[in-house]
Protein backbone atom coordinates (compact mmCIF):
# COMPACT_ATOMS: atom_id res chain seq x y z
CA MET A 1 -7.24 -5.57 -54.87
CA SER A 2 -9.15 -2.80 -56.56
CA GLU A 3 -8.73 1.10 -55.49
CA LYS A 4 -12.08 1.04 -54.28
CA GLN A 5 -11.39 -2.03 -51.96
CA VAL A 6 -8.19 -0.33 -50.74
CA ALA A 7 -9.94 2.88 -49.92
CA ILE A 8 -12.74 0.97 -48.07
CA MET A 9 -10.08 -0.86 -45.97
CA LYS A 10 -8.25 2.17 -45.23
CA MET A 11 -11.43 3.77 -44.01
CA PHE A 12 -12.25 0.95 -41.71
CA THR A 13 -8.73 1.10 -40.34
CA GLU A 14 -9.04 4.83 -39.48
CA ILE A 15 -12.46 4.22 -37.98
CA LYS A 16 -11.01 1.42 -35.96
CA GLU A 17 -8.17 3.82 -34.71
CA PHE A 18 -10.60 6.58 -33.93
CA LEU A 19 -12.72 4.23 -31.87
CA VAL A 20 -9.88 2.85 -29.77
CA LYS A 21 -8.39 6.27 -29.20
CA ASN A 22 -11.67 8.58 -28.61
CA ILE A 23 -14.40 6.09 -27.49
CA GLN A 24 -12.52 3.59 -25.22
CA GLY A 25 -10.58 6.33 -23.94
CA ASN A 26 -6.88 6.64 -23.24
CA LYS A 27 -6.03 3.31 -21.92
CA LYS A 28 -2.75 4.70 -20.37
CA ASP A 29 -4.49 6.90 -18.02
CA VAL A 30 -4.57 5.29 -14.48
CA ALA A 31 -6.59 5.64 -11.26
CA LEU A 32 -4.15 4.07 -8.85
CA VAL A 33 -4.99 2.47 -5.35
CA LEU A 34 -2.35 1.53 -3.00
CA SER A 35 -3.16 -0.73 0.06
CA SER A 36 -1.92 -0.63 3.56
CA GLY A 37 1.01 -3.08 4.74
CA GLY A 38 3.62 -1.28 6.84
CA ALA A 39 6.99 -1.49 5.27
CA ARG A 40 5.69 -3.94 2.65
CA GLY A 41 4.02 -0.84 1.24
CA LEU A 42 7.26 0.27 0.09
CA ALA A 43 6.72 -1.99 -2.99
CA HIS A 44 4.24 0.74 -4.08
CA ILE A 45 7.25 2.77 -5.10
CA GLY A 46 8.66 0.21 -7.43
CA ALA A 47 5.17 -0.45 -8.99
CA ILE A 48 4.67 3.34 -9.60
CA GLU A 49 8.15 3.42 -11.09
CA GLU A 50 7.39 0.60 -13.61
CA LEU A 51 3.85 2.18 -14.57
CA GLU A 52 5.57 5.38 -15.53
CA ALA A 53 8.47 3.73 -17.30
CA ARG A 54 5.77 1.96 -19.38
CA GLY A 55 4.08 5.29 -20.31
CA TYR A 56 1.15 5.04 -17.97
CA HIS A 57 -0.21 8.30 -16.56
CA ILE A 58 -1.46 8.22 -13.11
CA LYS A 59 -4.40 10.87 -13.19
CA SER A 60 -5.56 10.09 -9.48
CA ILE A 61 -4.41 8.16 -6.61
CA ALA A 62 -5.71 6.85 -3.31
CA GLY A 63 -4.29 4.91 -0.40
CA THR A 64 -4.62 3.53 3.10
CA SER A 65 -1.94 3.75 5.86
CA MET A 66 1.37 3.23 4.09
CA GLY A 67 -0.36 3.53 0.81
CA ALA A 68 -1.63 6.95 1.83
CA LEU A 69 1.83 8.04 2.52
CA VAL A 70 3.35 6.73 -0.67
CA ALA A 71 0.29 8.12 -2.48
CA GLY A 72 0.87 11.47 -0.82
CA MET A 73 4.58 11.54 -1.83
CA TYR A 74 3.83 10.83 -5.31
CA ALA A 75 0.87 13.48 -5.52
CA THR A 76 3.42 16.16 -4.26
CA GLY A 77 5.77 15.17 -6.96
CA HIS A 78 8.40 14.16 -4.34
CA LEU A 79 8.27 10.48 -4.62
CA LYS A 80 11.97 10.34 -5.78
CA GLU A 81 13.21 12.26 -3.03
CA TYR A 82 11.15 10.17 -0.48
CA ARG A 83 12.77 7.05 -2.15
CA GLU A 84 16.23 8.43 -1.79
CA TRP A 85 15.60 9.26 2.00
CA MET A 86 14.49 5.70 2.51
CA LYS A 87 17.79 4.36 1.53
CA THR A 88 19.25 6.10 4.68
CA ILE A 89 17.02 4.36 7.07
CA ASP A 90 18.60 1.58 9.15
CA LYS A 91 17.56 0.09 12.35
CA GLN A 92 19.35 2.79 14.14
CA ARG A 93 17.52 5.59 12.47
CA ILE A 94 14.14 3.72 12.99
CA ARG A 95 14.91 3.76 16.67
CA GLU A 96 15.63 7.43 16.54
CA LEU A 97 12.45 8.11 14.64
CA THR A 98 10.38 6.02 17.34
CA ASP A 99 9.12 8.63 19.94
CA TYR A 100 8.18 6.14 22.56
CA SER A 101 5.43 7.45 24.84
CA PRO A 102 3.83 4.40 26.48
CA SER A 103 0.03 5.25 27.39
CA LEU A 104 -3.35 3.61 27.68
CA ASP A 105 -3.95 3.89 23.99
CA HIS A 106 -0.37 3.92 22.29
CA LEU A 107 3.20 2.91 22.61
CA VAL A 108 4.38 5.71 20.16
CA ARG A 109 3.26 9.23 19.57
CA GLY A 110 4.20 9.17 15.85
CA ASN A 111 5.08 12.99 15.75
CA LYS A 112 8.74 12.68 15.05
CA ILE A 113 8.33 10.65 11.81
CA ILE A 114 5.69 13.16 10.56
CA ASP A 115 7.87 16.15 11.49
CA THR A 116 10.96 14.59 9.79
CA LEU A 117 8.82 14.07 6.61
CA LYS A 118 7.53 17.52 6.56
CA ALA A 119 11.26 18.55 6.59
CA LEU A 120 11.82 16.46 3.36
CA VAL A 121 8.44 17.45 1.73
CA PRO A 122 6.64 20.51 3.06
CA ASP A 123 2.89 20.17 4.18
CA CYS A 124 0.20 21.39 1.65
CA ASP A 125 -3.34 21.40 1.07
CA ILE A 126 -4.84 18.39 -0.78
CA ASP A 127 -6.87 20.68 -2.79
CA ASP A 128 -3.62 22.14 -4.11
CA LEU A 129 -2.15 18.85 -5.33
CA PRO A 130 -1.86 18.37 -9.12
CA ILE A 131 -3.89 15.37 -9.15
CA PRO A 132 -6.90 14.13 -6.98
CA TYR A 133 -5.68 12.50 -3.81
CA ALA A 134 -7.74 10.52 -1.30
CA ALA A 135 -6.59 8.81 2.10
CA VAL A 136 -8.70 6.53 4.23
CA ALA A 137 -8.77 6.35 8.14
CA THR A 138 -11.23 4.93 10.52
CA ASP A 139 -13.57 6.50 13.20
CA TRP A 140 -12.99 4.50 16.26
CA GLU A 141 -16.30 5.10 17.82
CA SER A 142 -18.59 4.51 14.84
CA GLY A 143 -16.33 2.12 12.90
CA HIS A 144 -16.90 4.08 9.59
CA GLU A 145 -14.36 5.22 7.03
CA VAL A 146 -13.27 8.84 7.12
CA VAL A 147 -11.98 9.77 3.79
CA PHE A 148 -9.73 12.71 3.36
CA THR A 149 -9.94 14.70 0.15
CA HIS A 150 -9.39 18.09 1.57
CA GLY A 151 -7.17 19.81 4.09
CA SER A 152 -3.72 19.20 5.46
CA LEU A 153 -1.90 16.34 3.48
CA TYR A 154 -0.03 15.40 6.54
CA GLY A 155 -3.12 15.43 8.67
CA ALA A 156 -4.63 12.95 6.31
CA ILE A 157 -1.56 10.60 6.22
CA ARG A 158 -1.10 10.79 10.06
CA ALA A 159 -4.73 9.70 10.66
CA SER A 160 -4.47 6.92 8.00
CA ILE A 161 -1.40 5.42 9.62
CA SER A 162 -2.45 5.38 13.12
CA LEU A 163 -1.79 1.61 13.74
CA PRO A 164 -4.11 0.81 16.71
CA ALA A 165 -2.23 0.14 19.96
CA TYR A 166 1.09 1.36 18.40
CA PHE A 167 0.60 5.15 17.10
CA SER A 168 -1.40 7.36 19.03
CA PRO A 169 -4.88 7.98 17.71
CA VAL A 170 -5.77 11.37 15.85
CA ARG A 171 -8.23 13.24 17.80
CA THR A 172 -10.04 15.89 15.37
CA GLY A 173 -13.33 17.12 14.91
CA GLY A 174 -14.82 15.28 17.84
CA LYS A 175 -13.55 12.00 16.55
CA ILE A 176 -10.89 9.44 17.43
CA LEU A 177 -9.32 8.24 14.14
CA ILE A 178 -7.16 5.12 13.73
CA ASP A 179 -5.58 3.26 10.78
CA GLY A 180 -7.67 3.16 7.81
CA GLY A 181 -6.68 -0.51 7.18
CA THR A 182 -9.12 -1.62 9.85
CA THR A 183 -12.00 -0.64 7.56
CA ASN A 184 -10.80 -0.16 3.98
CA PRO A 185 -7.13 -1.45 3.49
CA LEU A 186 -7.61 -1.21 -0.47
CA PRO A 187 -9.76 1.73 -0.96
CA LEU A 188 -10.78 0.95 -4.62
CA ASN A 189 -14.04 2.70 -4.17
CA ARG A 190 -12.65 6.02 -3.01
CA VAL A 191 -10.22 6.96 -5.88
CA MET A 192 -11.49 9.75 -8.17
CA ARG A 193 -12.27 8.13 -11.74
CA HIS A 194 -12.02 9.74 -15.06
CA GLU A 195 -13.72 8.53 -18.17
CA GLY A 196 -11.79 5.82 -19.88
CA ASP A 197 -9.13 5.49 -17.43
CA LEU A 198 -7.58 2.10 -15.91
CA LEU A 199 -8.51 1.32 -12.18
CA VAL A 200 -4.97 -0.16 -11.19
CA ALA A 201 -4.43 -1.56 -7.54
CA VAL A 202 -1.38 -2.54 -5.67
CA ASN A 203 -2.32 -4.85 -2.87
CA VAL A 204 0.56 -5.79 -0.46
CA CYS A 205 -1.98 -7.30 2.07
CA GLY A 206 -2.03 -10.69 0.16
CA ARG A 207 -0.74 -13.29 2.66
CA ASP A 208 -0.05 -17.10 2.36
CA TYR A 209 -0.83 -17.79 5.98
CA LYS A 210 -0.23 -21.53 5.79
CA ALA A 211 3.17 -21.14 4.14
CA GLU A 212 3.81 -18.45 6.57
CA LEU A 213 3.10 -20.34 9.53
CA THR A 214 5.22 -23.39 8.14
CA LEU A 215 8.20 -20.95 7.72
CA LYS A 216 7.85 -19.52 11.27
CA ARG A 217 7.46 -23.04 12.75
CA MET A 218 10.58 -24.07 11.01
CA ALA A 219 12.72 -21.04 11.92
CA GLU A 220 11.45 -21.42 15.54
CA ALA A 221 12.62 -25.14 15.70
CA ARG A 222 16.04 -23.92 14.31
CA ARG A 223 16.40 -21.36 17.08
CA ILE A 224 15.35 -23.47 19.90
CA ALA A 225 17.84 -26.35 18.67
CA SER A 226 20.64 -23.62 18.74
CA SER A 227 19.72 -21.74 21.87
CA ARG A 228 20.34 -23.03 25.24
CA TRP A 229 18.53 -20.25 26.71
CA LEU A 230 15.39 -21.02 24.65
CA ARG A 231 15.65 -24.52 25.64
CA LEU A 232 15.66 -23.76 29.21
CA VAL A 233 12.68 -21.27 28.78
CA ARG A 234 10.82 -24.08 27.11
CA ARG A 235 11.40 -26.46 29.95
CA ILE A 236 10.19 -23.78 32.56
CA LEU A 237 7.01 -22.62 30.72
CA PRO A 238 3.83 -24.77 31.18
CA GLU A 239 3.13 -27.35 28.67
CA GLY A 240 1.55 -26.04 25.49
CA MET A 241 2.67 -22.42 26.26
CA ASN A 242 4.54 -20.66 23.20
CA PRO A 243 6.94 -17.77 24.29
CA ASP A 244 6.44 -16.56 20.76
CA PHE A 245 2.64 -16.34 21.27
CA ASN A 246 2.54 -12.92 23.10
CA TYR A 247 0.67 -9.69 23.16
CA PHE A 248 2.44 -8.00 20.27
CA THR A 249 2.55 -11.17 18.12
CA LEU A 250 -1.14 -11.79 18.76
CA LEU A 251 -1.96 -8.20 18.02
CA ASN A 252 0.01 -8.03 14.71
CA ARG A 253 -1.33 -11.28 13.51
CA THR A 254 -4.93 -10.48 14.15
CA ALA A 255 -4.49 -7.15 12.62
CA SER A 256 -2.86 -8.96 9.38
CA ILE A 257 -5.86 -11.35 9.16
CA MET A 258 -8.62 -8.69 9.49
CA ILE A 259 -6.78 -6.35 6.97
CA HIS A 260 -6.28 -9.32 4.36
CA GLN A 261 -9.85 -10.37 4.60
CA ASN A 262 -11.03 -6.70 4.10
CA ALA A 263 -8.76 -6.18 1.23
CA GLN A 264 -10.12 -9.27 -0.55
CA LEU A 265 -13.75 -8.06 0.03
CA SER A 266 -12.66 -4.64 -1.59
CA LEU A 267 -11.51 -6.72 -4.60
CA ARG A 268 -14.52 -8.60 -4.88
CA LEU A 269 -16.88 -5.44 -4.67
CA THR A 270 -14.66 -3.31 -7.14
CA PRO A 271 -12.50 -5.41 -9.36
CA PRO A 272 -9.67 -3.34 -10.87
CA ASP A 273 -8.47 -3.53 -14.47
CA ILE A 274 -5.08 -4.38 -13.38
CA LEU A 275 -4.10 -6.04 -9.96
CA LEU A 276 -0.56 -6.47 -8.58
CA ASP A 277 -1.19 -8.69 -5.43
CA LEU A 278 1.86 -9.27 -3.39
CA SER A 279 2.46 -11.64 -0.45
CA LEU A 280 6.04 -10.49 0.63
CA ARG A 281 5.82 -12.80 3.53
CA ARG A 282 9.47 -12.49 4.17
CA TYR A 283 9.26 -8.96 5.26
CA GLY A 284 7.73 -7.58 8.59
CA SER A 285 5.63 -4.49 9.07
CA PHE A 286 8.60 -2.63 10.40
CA ASP A 287 11.30 -3.65 7.96
CA TYR A 288 11.84 -0.19 6.67
CA ASP A 289 15.49 -0.68 6.70
CA LYS A 290 15.01 -3.23 3.70
CA SER A 291 13.51 -0.49 1.38
CA GLU A 292 15.62 -1.33 -1.70
CA ARG A 293 14.89 -4.82 -1.67
CA ILE A 294 11.22 -4.40 -1.28
CA ILE A 295 10.98 -1.50 -3.85
CA ALA A 296 12.68 -3.78 -6.43
CA ILE A 297 10.28 -6.56 -5.87
CA GLY A 298 7.31 -4.13 -6.45
CA ARG A 299 8.82 -2.99 -9.66
CA GLU A 300 9.65 -6.48 -10.83
CA ARG A 301 6.22 -7.96 -9.97
CA MET A 302 4.43 -4.93 -11.67
CA ALA A 303 6.47 -5.55 -14.90
CA LYS A 304 5.22 -9.13 -14.93
CA VAL A 305 1.68 -7.93 -14.37
CA LEU A 306 1.78 -5.29 -16.97
CA ASP A 307 3.22 -7.92 -19.41
CA GLN A 308 0.24 -9.95 -18.95
CA TYR A 309 -2.22 -7.11 -19.24
CA GLU A 310 -0.65 -5.76 -22.40
CA GLY A 311 -0.44 -9.15 -23.95
CA LYS A 312 -4.00 -9.90 -23.45
CA LYS A 313 -4.82 -6.21 -24.64
CA GLY A 314 -2.74 -6.66 -27.96
CA THR A 315 -4.69 -9.83 -28.80
CA ASN A 316 -8.06 -8.15 -28.28
CA VAL A 317 -7.43 -5.00 -30.26
């Protein structure tokens, strides 16, 4: 190869590197979106840890319900402290943080958990956070989304986690606000974008309903077979009536179906560049005492997703 050809090849290589770096943007910059999902949302922590370990830079973040809480902890720079605090949570601590106050519109006030978090990570104004942050709640009367990008961080989080019929709704500005998962459980359209960034979504609302029902029926059969009391209840109840089908299971199941469908709609309308879609069907919405296992699953699964993405990216460059 002549010197002229070598010079031409070098020039084309430099042009290619320039285009990748400056025109396509920094593909390590991320706009991160975290879904609702109760305790399953602890997987968001593991996903974030893996993103950062791979050198991705989270430039903006948005979330709904548990996703709004984890996003808020990250945006303040105190996600590590929150993770360590979660290690201390067991069933007894969960009961201590649950301020029961049965009323017409709620079972739990929800103030105790917020006050405890404020002692761990002080409240601040969203505008003062180092990266853009958004949390989604729902206006109960209009059915519209309410997006928090200003004001008190914990005010936004508390509104976003107001699970209907469980936590007391938030009344502010003449509105009654409930959990954002009822309208936009995966707010891909609400995160601030920067030129050249990657839209990354972590969705823990993915559920394999058929498999879940099969597992529950198998577990139920085992319980009945081993419990004299349950066998007696079965004989007393009218034919076809299931003691596991009650107010709480009905409400939880209905909410899960609705949130799952809304998340799938969000994914179709705003497809992310990278998607971590988790079913986590082994864990319930209130399994906060299993934080370490759930966080580990989030990190492990995000690693696999990034391996696939980076492998495809490498073949296309």
